[in-house]
Amino acid sequence: MRALMQPFRQANGKAGPTRRRAVRGRTQRWSPWRRKAVLLLIPVMMAAWGFGAWELKQSGIVASAMSTASAKLAVWGDRQMVRAGLTVRHVFVTGRGETSKPQVLGAMGVRNGQSILSFNPVEARRKLLQLGWIETARVERRLPDTIVVHLSERKALALWQHKGRHVLIDRGGKPITRYNLARFAHLPVVVGQDAPAAAAALIDMLAQKPALFARVQAAVRIGSRRWDVRLKNGINVHLPETQAADAWGRLAELVAEHRIFERDVAAIDLRLPDRLVLRLTPEAAAKKNKNGKET
């Protein structure tokens, strides 16, 4: 047993005691003040990084880089679509009457040979609705090479006299156009700030008596409450604020039965429900009857 306990011989052959050094790991502990300093430094560094990122974003560098990359990618994509044959070759338009085809194509911004995938039907529809005659529009993209447009145009109702100029309006009172109005001279003229909005109801009422309506030249909105109708023979008809349709019907009967338009009449007042008042022309008014009253 003692032999087993003898120390190993050294490399030089001499025996010597064997020294074993146990290496113990040392745990380095931070002092409390150092730990607090690190904990305070972390949010400061995070805030600095966040501020730097915000400054970079505000400078526009990131947005500019992304925009440039996106534009280049879009151009590259368009080229690939054109090479693949996905280009605009046909544009079919239905429902077009007053609007010319160049106006339609110009509003949509479409050109022959462009990538059909770069064409935006939603944006094209929005721009078509800005054309005066267009009331509704539907735009379809049909691959590989066709765009189909379905249009519905407004119906002209009257001419609105505003600030010394005439504007063609539809039933909703919306302006259509100011140009090439000579072919719409047969339509009645409405005058007044709020006349367009009330014009459809008036014209529908006047049209119930076609023979009398054919004599109408213009209508003036009075105080946003009622109308004065000017006939083609120069006579002014004062319609009441309420029950205007009944008054117009009474006038139609009087015209048919008593031929009052053949008299020297300047104006007809229908604002009283139980009577009709005629105002004579100055020449006729100068002639008195034997009782000295105007006829």
C-alpha atoms as a PDB file:
ATOM      1  CA  MET A   1       0.000   0.000   0.000  1.00  0.00           C
ATOM      2  CA  ARG A   2       2.848   2.353   0.665  1.00  0.00           C
ATOM      3  CA  ALA A   3       4.124   1.697  -2.882  1.00  0.00           C
ATOM      4  CA  LEU A   4       0.858   2.812  -4.283  1.00  0.00           C
ATOM      5  CA  MET A   5       1.077   5.961  -2.327  1.00  0.00           C
ATOM      6  CA  GLN A   6       4.560   6.828  -3.648  1.00  0.00           C
ATOM      7  CA  PRO A   7       4.659   9.959  -5.717  1.00  0.00           C
ATOM      8  CA  PHE A   8       5.139   9.797  -9.513  1.00  0.00           C
ATOM      9  CA  ARG A   9       8.627  10.364 -10.753  1.00  0.00           C
ATOM     10  CA  GLN A  10       9.398  13.623 -12.428  1.00  0.00           C
ATOM     11  CA  ALA A  11      10.608  13.832 -15.973  1.00  0.00           C
ATOM     12  CA  ASN A  12      14.236  13.949 -14.867  1.00  0.00           C
ATOM     13  CA  GLY A  13      13.854  10.749 -13.014  1.00  0.00           C
ATOM     14  CA  LYS A  14      13.853  12.317  -9.609  1.00  0.00           C
ATOM     15  CA  ALA A  15      11.073  11.631  -7.369  1.00  0.00           C
ATOM     16  CA  GLY A  16       9.249  14.555  -5.914  1.00  0.00           C
ATOM     17  CA  PRO A  17       5.987  15.381  -4.378  1.00  0.00           C
ATOM     18  CA  THR A  18       3.117  15.990  -6.767  1.00  0.00           C
ATOM     19  CA  ARG A  19       1.421  19.372  -6.352  1.00  0.00           C
ATOM     20  CA  ARG A  20      -2.114  19.654  -7.388  1.00  0.00           C
ATOM     21  CA  ARG A  21      -3.497  23.120  -7.915  1.00  0.00           C
ATOM     22  CA  ALA A  22      -7.209  23.331  -7.867  1.00  0.00           C
ATOM     23  CA  VAL A  23      -8.390  26.099 -10.174  1.00  0.00           C
ATOM     24  CA  ARG A  24     -11.384  27.639  -8.655  1.00  0.00           C
ATOM     25  CA  GLY A  25     -13.643  29.864 -10.739  1.00  0.00           C
ATOM     26  CA  ARG A  26     -13.927  33.342  -9.437  1.00  0.00           C
ATOM     27  CA  THR A  27     -17.315  35.082  -9.716  1.00  0.00           C
ATOM     28  CA  GLN A  28     -16.850  38.763 -10.313  1.00  0.00           C
ATOM     29  CA  ARG A  29     -19.602  40.635  -8.578  1.00  0.00           C
ATOM     30  CA  TRP A  30     -20.558  44.188  -9.615  1.00  0.00           C
ATOM     31  CA  SER A  31     -20.962  46.731  -6.989  1.00  0.00           C
ATOM     32  CA  PRO A  32     -24.460  48.187  -6.538  1.00  0.00           C
ATOM     33  CA  TRP A  33     -23.538  51.548  -8.003  1.00  0.00           C
ATOM     34  CA  ARG A  34     -22.161  49.931 -11.164  1.00  0.00           C
ATOM     35  CA  ARG A  35     -25.333  47.876 -11.623  1.00  0.00           C
ATOM     36  CA  LYS A  36     -27.475  51.016 -11.290  1.00  0.00           C
ATOM     37  CA  ALA A  37     -25.334  52.842 -13.831  1.00  0.00           C
ATOM     38  CA  VAL A  38     -25.818  50.067 -16.401  1.00  0.00           C
ATOM     39  CA  LEU A  39     -29.572  49.947 -15.820  1.00  0.00           C
ATOM     40  CA  LEU A  40     -29.767  53.686 -16.360  1.00  0.00           C
ATOM     41  CA  LEU A  41     -27.621  53.504 -19.477  1.00  0.00           C
ATOM     42  CA  ILE A  42     -29.877  50.986 -21.268  1.00  0.00           C
ATOM     43  CA  PRO A  43     -32.940  53.280 -21.703  1.00  0.00           C
ATOM     44  CA  VAL A  44     -30.663  56.157 -22.637  1.00  0.00           C
ATOM     45  CA  MET A  45     -29.116  54.082 -25.440  1.00  0.00           C
ATOM     46  CA  MET A  46     -32.543  52.886 -26.610  1.00  0.00           C
ATOM     47  CA  ALA A  47     -33.808  56.455 -26.688  1.00  0.00           C
ATOM     48  CA  ALA A  48     -30.767  57.508 -28.660  1.00  0.00           C
ATOM     49  CA  TRP A  49     -31.316  54.729 -31.186  1.00  0.00           C
ATOM     50  CA  GLY A  50     -34.999  55.637 -31.492  1.00  0.00           C
ATOM     51  CA  PHE A  51     -34.210  59.312 -31.977  1.00  0.00           C
ATOM     52  CA  GLY A  52     -31.653  58.443 -34.624  1.00  0.00           C
ATOM     53  CA  ALA A  53     -34.177  56.321 -36.496  1.00  0.00           C
ATOM     54  CA  TRP A  54     -36.752  59.111 -36.288  1.00  0.00           C
ATOM     55  CA  GLU A  55     -34.245  61.652 -37.574  1.00  0.00           C
ATOM     56  CA  LEU A  56     -33.406  59.314 -40.452  1.00  0.00           C
ATOM     57  CA  LYS A  57     -37.061  58.952 -41.324  1.00  0.00           C
ATOM     58  CA  GLN A  58     -37.714  62.686 -41.085  1.00  0.00           C
ATOM     59  CA  SER A  59     -34.806  63.423 -43.352  1.00  0.00           C
ATOM     60  CA  GLY A  60     -36.626  61.578 -46.127  1.00  0.00           C
ATOM     61  CA  ILE A  61     -33.681  59.368 -46.932  1.00  0.00           C
ATOM     62  CA  VAL A  62     -35.556  56.156 -46.183  1.00  0.00           C
ATOM     63  CA  ALA A  63     -38.710  57.236 -47.990  1.00  0.00           C
ATOM     64  CA  SER A  64     -36.706  58.441 -50.974  1.00  0.00           C
ATOM     65  CA  ALA A  65     -34.786  55.186 -51.168  1.00  0.00           C
ATOM     66  CA  MET A  66     -37.961  53.126 -50.915  1.00  0.00           C
ATOM     67  CA  SER A  67     -39.712  55.288 -53.514  1.00  0.00           C
ATOM     68  CA  THR A  68     -36.802  54.971 -55.926  1.00  0.00           C
ATOM     69  CA  ALA A  69     -36.655  51.214 -55.441  1.00  0.00           C
ATOM     70  CA  SER A  70     -40.418  50.913 -55.914  1.00  0.00           C
ATOM     71  CA  ALA A  71     -40.338  52.987 -59.102  1.00  0.00           C
ATOM     72  CA  LYS A  72     -37.518  50.904 -60.545  1.00  0.00           C
ATOM     73  CA  LEU A  73     -39.343  47.718 -59.646  1.00  0.00           C
ATOM     74  CA  ALA A  74     -42.533  49.006 -61.302  1.00  0.00           C
ATOM     75  CA  VAL A  75     -40.659  49.905 -64.498  1.00  0.00           C
ATOM     76  CA  TRP A  76     -39.017  46.499 -64.541  1.00  0.00           C
ATOM     77  CA  GLY A  77     -42.380  44.817 -63.960  1.00  0.00           C
ATOM     78  CA  ASP A  78     -44.000  46.767 -66.804  1.00  0.00           C
ATOM     79  CA  ARG A  79     -41.257  45.728 -69.160  1.00  0.00           C
ATOM     80  CA  GLN A  80     -41.772  42.103 -68.245  1.00  0.00           C
ATOM     81  CA  MET A  81     -45.536  42.399 -68.788  1.00  0.00           C
ATOM     82  CA  VAL A  82     -45.005  44.004 -72.197  1.00  0.00           C
ATOM     83  CA  ARG A  83     -42.596  41.229 -73.164  1.00  0.00           C
ATOM     84  CA  ALA A  84     -45.185  38.698 -72.065  1.00  0.00           C
ATOM     85  CA  GLY A  85     -47.793  40.316 -74.342  1.00  0.00           C
ATOM     86  CA  LEU A  86     -49.979  41.746 -71.536  1.00  0.00           C
ATOM     87  CA  THR A  87     -50.494  45.121 -73.224  1.00  0.00           C
ATOM     88  CA  VAL A  88     -53.502  47.317 -74.021  1.00  0.00           C
ATOM     89  CA  ARG A  89     -54.594  46.602 -77.577  1.00  0.00           C
ATOM     90  CA  HIS A  90     -58.365  47.159 -77.492  1.00  0.00           C
ATOM     91  CA  VAL A  91     -60.616  49.681 -75.706  1.00  0.00           C
ATOM     92  CA  PHE A  92     -64.369  49.194 -76.083  1.00  0.00           C
ATOM     93  CA  VAL A  93     -66.715  51.992 -74.951  1.00  0.00           C
ATOM     94  CA  THR A  94     -70.505  51.662 -74.693  1.00  0.00           C
ATOM     95  CA  GLY A  95     -73.138  54.243 -73.765  1.00  0.00           C
ATOM     96  CA  ARG A  96     -71.235  57.136 -75.263  1.00  0.00           C
ATOM     97  CA  GLY A  97     -73.302  59.788 -77.039  1.00  0.00           C
ATOM     98  CA  GLU A  98     -72.306  63.339 -76.207  1.00  0.00           C
ATOM     99  CA  THR A  99     -68.810  62.437 -74.995  1.00  0.00           C
ATOM    100  CA  SER A 100     -66.198  61.881 -77.699  1.00  0.00           C
ATOM    101  CA  LYS A 101     -63.888  58.875 -77.661  1.00  0.00           C
ATOM    102  CA  PRO A 102     -60.753  61.073 -77.390  1.00  0.00           C
ATOM    103  CA  GLN A 103     -62.282  62.631 -74.272  1.00  0.00           C
ATOM    104  CA  VAL A 104     -62.859  59.181 -72.782  1.00  0.00           C
ATOM    105  CA  LEU A 105     -59.347  57.933 -73.574  1.00  0.00           C
ATOM    106  CA  GLY A 106     -57.776  61.174 -72.413  1.00  0.00           C
ATOM    107  CA  ALA A 107     -59.612  61.082 -69.097  1.00  0.00           C
ATOM    108  CA  MET A 108     -58.604  57.473 -68.464  1.00  0.00           C
ATOM    109  CA  GLY A 109     -54.982  58.139 -69.402  1.00  0.00           C
ATOM    110  CA  VAL A 110     -54.718  54.896 -71.360  1.00  0.00           C
ATOM    111  CA  ARG A 111     -52.509  54.431 -74.381  1.00  0.00           C
ATOM    112  CA  ASN A 112     -52.078  51.667 -76.879  1.00  0.00           C
ATOM    113  CA  GLY A 113     -49.245  49.277 -76.057  1.00  0.00           C
ATOM    114  CA  GLN A 114     -48.890  50.067 -72.361  1.00  0.00           C
ATOM    115  CA  SER A 115     -48.812  47.292 -69.792  1.00  0.00           C
ATOM    116  CA  ILE A 116     -52.395  46.363 -69.035  1.00  0.00           C
ATOM    117  CA  LEU A 117     -51.519  45.631 -65.408  1.00  0.00           C
ATOM    118  CA  SER A 118     -50.276  49.197 -64.949  1.00  0.00           C
ATOM    119  CA  PHE A 119     -53.722  50.488 -65.944  1.00  0.00           C
ATOM    120  CA  ASN A 120     -55.824  51.369 -62.880  1.00  0.00           C
ATOM    121  CA  PRO A 121     -59.588  50.870 -63.498  1.00  0.00           C
ATOM    122  CA  VAL A 122     -60.567  52.583 -60.227  1.00  0.00           C
ATOM    123  CA  GLU A 123     -58.606  55.737 -61.013  1.00  0.00           C
ATOM    124  CA  ALA A 124     -59.882  55.706 -64.596  1.00  0.00           C
ATOM    125  CA  ARG A 125     -63.492  55.576 -63.381  1.00  0.00           C
ATOM    126  CA  ARG A 126     -62.873  58.481 -60.982  1.00  0.00           C
ATOM    127  CA  LYS A 127     -61.559  60.655 -63.798  1.00  0.00           C
ATOM    128  CA  LEU A 128     -64.386  59.702 -66.157  1.00  0.00           C
ATOM    129  CA  LEU A 129     -66.946  60.880 -63.607  1.00  0.00           C
ATOM    130  CA  GLN A 130     -65.326  64.315 -63.728  1.00  0.00           C
ATOM    131  CA  LEU A 131     -66.468  64.751 -67.342  1.00  0.00           C
ATOM    132  CA  GLY A 132     -69.617  66.861 -67.497  1.00  0.00           C
ATOM    133  CA  TRP A 133     -71.788  64.470 -69.495  1.00  0.00           C
ATOM    134  CA  ILE A 134     -70.846  61.291 -67.597  1.00  0.00           C
ATOM    135  CA  GLU A 135     -73.293  60.267 -64.870  1.00  0.00           C
ATOM    136  CA  THR A 136     -72.138  56.700 -64.183  1.00  0.00           C
ATOM    137  CA  ALA A 137     -69.133  54.703 -65.365  1.00  0.00           C
ATOM    138  CA  ARG A 138     -67.862  51.137 -65.049  1.00  0.00           C
ATOM    139  CA  VAL A 139     -64.362  50.205 -66.171  1.00  0.00           C
ATOM    140  CA  GLU A 140     -63.217  46.604 -66.592  1.00  0.00           C
ATOM    141  CA  ARG A 141     -59.766  45.203 -67.345  1.00  0.00           C
ATOM    142  CA  ARG A 142     -59.920  41.937 -69.279  1.00  0.00           C
ATOM    143  CA  LEU A 143     -56.679  40.076 -69.719  1.00  0.00           C
ATOM    144  CA  PRO A 144     -54.685  39.786 -71.804  1.00  0.00           C
ATOM    145  CA  ASP A 145     -55.244  42.969 -73.830  1.00  0.00           C
ATOM    146  CA  THR A 146     -58.740  44.528 -73.518  1.00  0.00           C
ATOM    147  CA  ILE A 147     -60.350  47.357 -71.519  1.00  0.00           C
ATOM    148  CA  VAL A 148     -64.155  47.673 -71.507  1.00  0.00           C
ATOM    149  CA  VAL A 149     -65.907  50.896 -70.473  1.00  0.00           C
ATOM    150  CA  HIS A 150     -69.660  51.176 -69.813  1.00  0.00           C
ATOM    151  CA  LEU A 151     -70.956  54.747 -69.622  1.00  0.00           C
ATOM    152  CA  SER A 152     -74.281  56.368 -68.784  1.00  0.00           C
ATOM    153  CA  GLU A 153     -74.682  60.017 -69.758  1.00  0.00           C
ATOM    154  CA  ARG A 154     -76.792  62.742 -68.184  1.00  0.00           C
ATOM    155  CA  LYS A 155     -80.065  63.944 -69.683  1.00  0.00           C
ATOM    156  CA  ALA A 156     -80.223  67.663 -70.438  1.00  0.00           C
ATOM    157  CA  LEU A 157     -83.145  69.343 -68.677  1.00  0.00           C
ATOM    158  CA  ALA A 158     -82.784  73.109 -68.950  1.00  0.00           C
ATOM    159  CA  LEU A 159     -80.440  76.027 -69.381  1.00  0.00           C
ATOM    160  CA  TRP A 160     -79.452  77.795 -66.193  1.00  0.00           C
ATOM    161  CA  GLN A 161     -78.832  81.504 -66.613  1.00  0.00           C
ATOM    162  CA  HIS A 162     -76.152  82.418 -64.095  1.00  0.00           C
ATOM    163  CA  LYS A 163     -73.916  85.507 -64.006  1.00  0.00           C
ATOM    164  CA  GLY A 164     -74.834  86.446 -67.535  1.00  0.00           C
ATOM    165  CA  ARG A 165     -74.024  83.024 -68.973  1.00  0.00           C
ATOM    166  CA  HIS A 166     -75.998  79.891 -69.746  1.00  0.00           C
ATOM    167  CA  VAL A 167     -75.101  76.475 -68.348  1.00  0.00           C
ATOM    168  CA  LEU A 168     -76.740  73.231 -69.413  1.00  0.00           C
ATOM    169  CA  ILE A 169     -78.022  71.307 -66.362  1.00  0.00           C
ATOM    170  CA  ASP A 170     -79.469  67.833 -65.783  1.00  0.00           C
ATOM    171  CA  ARG A 171     -82.453  66.742 -63.684  1.00  0.00           C
ATOM    172  CA  GLY A 172     -80.376  66.793 -60.536  1.00  0.00           C
ATOM    173  CA  GLY A 173     -79.441  70.405 -61.151  1.00  0.00           C
ATOM    174  CA  LYS A 174     -75.812  69.519 -61.857  1.00  0.00           C
ATOM    175  CA  PRO A 175     -73.958  71.491 -64.544  1.00  0.00           C
ATOM    176  CA  ILE A 176     -73.155  69.568 -67.717  1.00  0.00           C
ATOM    177  CA  THR A 177     -71.434  72.033 -70.017  1.00  0.00           C
ATOM    178  CA  ARG A 178     -71.164  75.702 -70.988  1.00  0.00           C
ATOM    179  CA  TYR A 179     -70.181  75.074 -74.589  1.00  0.00           C
ATOM    180  CA  ASN A 180     -72.021  74.368 -77.860  1.00  0.00           C
ATOM    181  CA  LEU A 181     -75.417  75.231 -76.401  1.00  0.00           C
ATOM    182  CA  ALA A 182     -77.084  76.377 -79.640  1.00  0.00           C
ATOM    183  CA  ARG A 183     -78.737  72.978 -80.191  1.00  0.00           C
ATOM    184  CA  PHE A 184     -80.282  73.173 -76.724  1.00  0.00           C
ATOM    185  CA  ALA A 185     -81.982  76.524 -77.334  1.00  0.00           C
ATOM    186  CA  HIS A 186     -85.388  74.798 -77.293  1.00  0.00           C
ATOM    187  CA  LEU A 187     -85.035  73.961 -73.591  1.00  0.00           C
ATOM    188  CA  PRO A 188     -86.544  76.286 -70.980  1.00  0.00           C
ATOM    189  CA  VAL A 189     -84.276  78.722 -69.164  1.00  0.00           C
ATOM    190  CA  VAL A 190     -84.273  78.868 -65.368  1.00  0.00           C
ATOM    191  CA  VAL A 191     -82.962  81.872 -63.435  1.00  0.00           C
ATOM    192  CA  GLY A 192     -81.999  82.125 -59.777  1.00  0.00           C
ATOM    193  CA  GLN A 193     -79.337  80.956 -57.357  1.00  0.00           C
ATOM    194  CA  ASP A 194     -81.251  77.856 -56.273  1.00  0.00           C
ATOM    195  CA  ALA A 195     -83.104  77.417 -59.577  1.00  0.00           C
ATOM    196  CA  PRO A 196     -81.162  74.305 -60.734  1.00  0.00           C
ATOM    197  CA  ALA A 197     -82.132  72.269 -57.670  1.00  0.00           C
ATOM    198  CA  ALA A 198     -85.834  73.098 -58.065  1.00  0.00           C
ATOM    199  CA  ALA A 199     -85.985  73.048 -61.871  1.00  0.00           C
ATOM    200  CA  ALA A 200     -86.945  69.382 -62.319  1.00  0.00           C
ATOM    201  CA  ALA A 201     -90.038  69.626 -60.113  1.00  0.00           C
ATOM    202  CA  LEU A 202     -91.162  72.797 -61.889  1.00  0.00           C
ATOM    203  CA  ILE A 203     -90.689  71.434 -65.405  1.00  0.00           C
ATOM    204  CA  ASP A 204     -92.468  68.180 -64.554  1.00  0.00           C
ATOM    205  CA  MET A 205     -95.419  70.218 -63.291  1.00  0.00           C
ATOM    206  CA  LEU A 206     -95.507  72.527 -66.316  1.00  0.00           C
ATOM    207  CA  ALA A 207     -95.293  69.556 -68.693  1.00  0.00           C
ATOM    208  CA  GLN A 208     -98.589  68.199 -67.358  1.00  0.00           C
ATOM    209  CA  LYS A 209    -100.256  70.745 -69.654  1.00  0.00           C
ATOM    210  CA  PRO A 210     -98.333  70.182 -72.904  1.00  0.00           C
ATOM    211  CA  ALA A 211    -100.060  72.874 -74.953  1.00  0.00           C
ATOM    212  CA  LEU A 212     -99.326  75.536 -72.352  1.00  0.00           C
ATOM    213  CA  PHE A 213     -95.863  74.194 -71.628  1.00  0.00           C
ATOM    214  CA  ALA A 214     -94.969  74.621 -75.306  1.00  0.00           C
ATOM    215  CA  ARG A 215     -95.354  78.383 -74.773  1.00  0.00           C
ATOM    216  CA  VAL A 216     -92.875  78.518 -71.860  1.00  0.00           C
ATOM    217  CA  GLN A 217     -89.628  80.353 -72.478  1.00  0.00           C
ATOM    218  CA  ALA A 218     -88.112  80.838 -69.015  1.00  0.00           C
ATOM    219  CA  ALA A 219     -88.799  80.611 -65.292  1.00  0.00           C
ATOM    220  CA  VAL A 220     -87.425  82.871 -62.570  1.00  0.00           C
ATOM    221  CA  ARG A 221     -87.048  81.625 -58.996  1.00  0.00           C
ATOM    222  CA  ILE A 222     -88.445  84.189 -56.564  1.00  0.00           C
ATOM    223  CA  GLY A 223     -87.096  84.223 -53.011  1.00  0.00           C
ATOM    224  CA  SER A 224     -86.390  80.493 -53.042  1.00  0.00           C
ATOM    225  CA  ARG A 225     -90.155  80.010 -52.593  1.00  0.00           C
ATOM    226  CA  ARG A 226     -92.017  80.233 -55.890  1.00  0.00           C
ATOM    227  CA  TRP A 227     -91.687  80.825 -59.655  1.00  0.00           C
ATOM    228  CA  ASP A 228     -92.529  83.457 -62.210  1.00  0.00           C
ATOM    229  CA  VAL A 229     -92.955  81.849 -65.631  1.00  0.00           C
ATOM    230  CA  ARG A 230     -92.250  83.904 -68.745  1.00  0.00           C
ATOM    231  CA  LEU A 231     -94.075  82.800 -71.887  1.00  0.00           C
ATOM    232  CA  LYS A 232     -92.806  83.159 -75.432  1.00  0.00           C
ATOM    233  CA  ASN A 233     -95.418  85.849 -76.156  1.00  0.00           C
ATOM    234  CA  GLY A 234     -93.880  88.024 -73.418  1.00  0.00           C
ATOM    235  CA  ILE A 235     -96.546  87.405 -70.731  1.00  0.00           C
ATOM    236  CA  ASN A 236     -95.326  86.813 -67.161  1.00  0.00           C
ATOM    237  CA  VAL A 237     -97.250  84.262 -65.080  1.00  0.00           C
ATOM    238  CA  HIS A 238     -96.914  84.612 -61.294  1.00  0.00           C
ATOM    239  CA  LEU A 239     -97.318  81.147 -59.757  1.00  0.00           C
ATOM    240  CA  PRO A 240     -98.254  80.772 -56.085  1.00  0.00           C
ATOM    241  CA  GLU A 241     -95.913  79.362 -53.452  1.00  0.00           C
ATOM    242  CA  THR A 242     -98.233  76.423 -52.766  1.00  0.00           C
ATOM    243  CA  GLN A 243    -100.660  74.526 -55.041  1.00  0.00           C
ATOM    244  CA  ALA A 244     -98.811  75.773 -58.102  1.00  0.00           C
ATOM    245  CA  ALA A 245     -99.996  72.770 -60.136  1.00  0.00           C
ATOM    246  CA  ASP A 246    -103.652  73.655 -59.532  1.00  0.00           C
ATOM    247  CA  ALA A 247    -103.025  77.252 -60.569  1.00  0.00           C
ATOM    248  CA  TRP A 248    -101.254  76.137 -63.728  1.00  0.00           C
ATOM    249  CA  GLY A 249    -104.180  73.872 -64.567  1.00  0.00           C
ATOM    250  CA  ARG A 250    -106.647  76.745 -64.137  1.00  0.00           C
ATOM    251  CA  LEU A 251    -104.582  78.868 -66.485  1.00  0.00           C
ATOM    252  CA  ALA A 252    -104.567  76.116 -69.112  1.00  0.00           C
ATOM    253  CA  GLU A 253    -108.372  75.944 -68.987  1.00  0.00           C
ATOM    254  CA  LEU A 254    -108.731  79.719 -69.293  1.00  0.00           C
ATOM    255  CA  VAL A 255    -106.414  79.803 -72.260  1.00  0.00           C
ATOM    256  CA  ALA A 256    -108.357  77.059 -74.000  1.00  0.00           C
ATOM    257  CA  GLU A 257    -111.822  78.430 -73.212  1.00  0.00           C
ATOM    258  CA  HIS A 258    -111.405  82.205 -73.201  1.00  0.00           C
ATOM    259  CA  ARG A 259    -108.336  82.789 -75.359  1.00  0.00           C
ATOM    260  CA  ILE A 260    -106.899  85.267 -72.886  1.00  0.00           C
ATOM    261  CA  PHE A 261    -103.575  85.274 -74.715  1.00  0.00           C
ATOM    262  CA  GLU A 262    -105.277  87.122 -77.534  1.00  0.00           C
ATOM    263  CA  ARG A 263    -105.787  90.136 -75.278  1.00  0.00           C
ATOM    264  CA  ASP A 264    -103.283  92.854 -74.476  1.00  0.00           C
ATOM    265  CA  VAL A 265    -102.039  91.142 -71.331  1.00  0.00           C
ATOM    266  CA  ALA A 266     -98.629  91.801 -69.765  1.00  0.00           C
ATOM    267  CA  ALA A 267     -98.921  89.568 -66.701  1.00  0.00           C
ATOM    268  CA  ILE A 268    -101.200  86.965 -65.135  1.00  0.00           C
ATOM    269  CA  ASP A 269    -101.234  86.655 -61.350  1.00  0.00           C
ATOM    270  CA  LEU A 270    -102.302  83.236 -60.079  1.00  0.00           C
ATOM    271  CA  ARG A 271    -101.247  83.725 -56.466  1.00  0.00           C
ATOM    272  CA  LEU A 272    -104.820  84.138 -55.215  1.00  0.00           C
ATOM    273  CA  PRO A 273    -106.584  80.761 -55.053  1.00  0.00           C
ATOM    274  CA  ASP A 274    -110.080  82.062 -55.895  1.00  0.00           C
ATOM    275  CA  ARG A 275    -109.330  84.515 -58.667  1.00  0.00           C
ATOM    276  CA  LEU A 276    -107.086  85.393 -61.553  1.00  0.00           C
ATOM    277  CA  VAL A 277    -105.655  88.893 -61.938  1.00  0.00           C
ATOM    278  CA  LEU A 278    -104.671  90.225 -65.353  1.00  0.00           C
ATOM    279  CA  ARG A 279    -102.300  93.139 -65.761  1.00  0.00           C
ATOM    280  CA  LEU A 280    -102.703  94.827 -69.124  1.00  0.00           C
ATOM    281  CA  THR A 281     -99.981  96.230 -71.294  1.00  0.00           C
ATOM    282  CA  PRO A 282     -99.327  99.972 -70.886  1.00  0.00           C
ATOM    283  CA  GLU A 283    -101.106 100.658 -74.149  1.00  0.00           C
ATOM    284  CA  ALA A 284    -104.198  98.711 -73.128  1.00  0.00           C
ATOM    285  CA  ALA A 285    -104.188 100.193 -69.652  1.00  0.00           C
ATOM    286  CA  ALA A 286    -104.327 103.660 -71.133  1.00  0.00           C
ATOM    287  CA  LYS A 287    -107.697 102.847 -72.550  1.00  0.00           C
ATOM    288  CA  LYS A 288    -110.269 103.208 -69.807  1.00  0.00           C
ATOM    289  CA  ASN A 289    -113.718 101.844 -69.866  1.00  0.00           C
ATOM    290  CA  LYS A 290    -116.614 104.118 -69.354  1.00  0.00           C
ATOM    291  CA  ASN A 291    -116.365 103.694 -65.565  1.00  0.00           C
ATOM    292  CA  GLY A 292    -112.764 104.833 -65.511  1.00  0.00           C
ATOM    293  CA  LYS A 293    -111.430 101.475 -64.448  1.00  0.00           C
ATOM    294  CA  GLU A 294    -108.717  99.458 -66.145  1.00  0.00           C
ATOM    295  CA  THR A 295    -109.835  96.320 -67.927  1.00  0.00           C
END
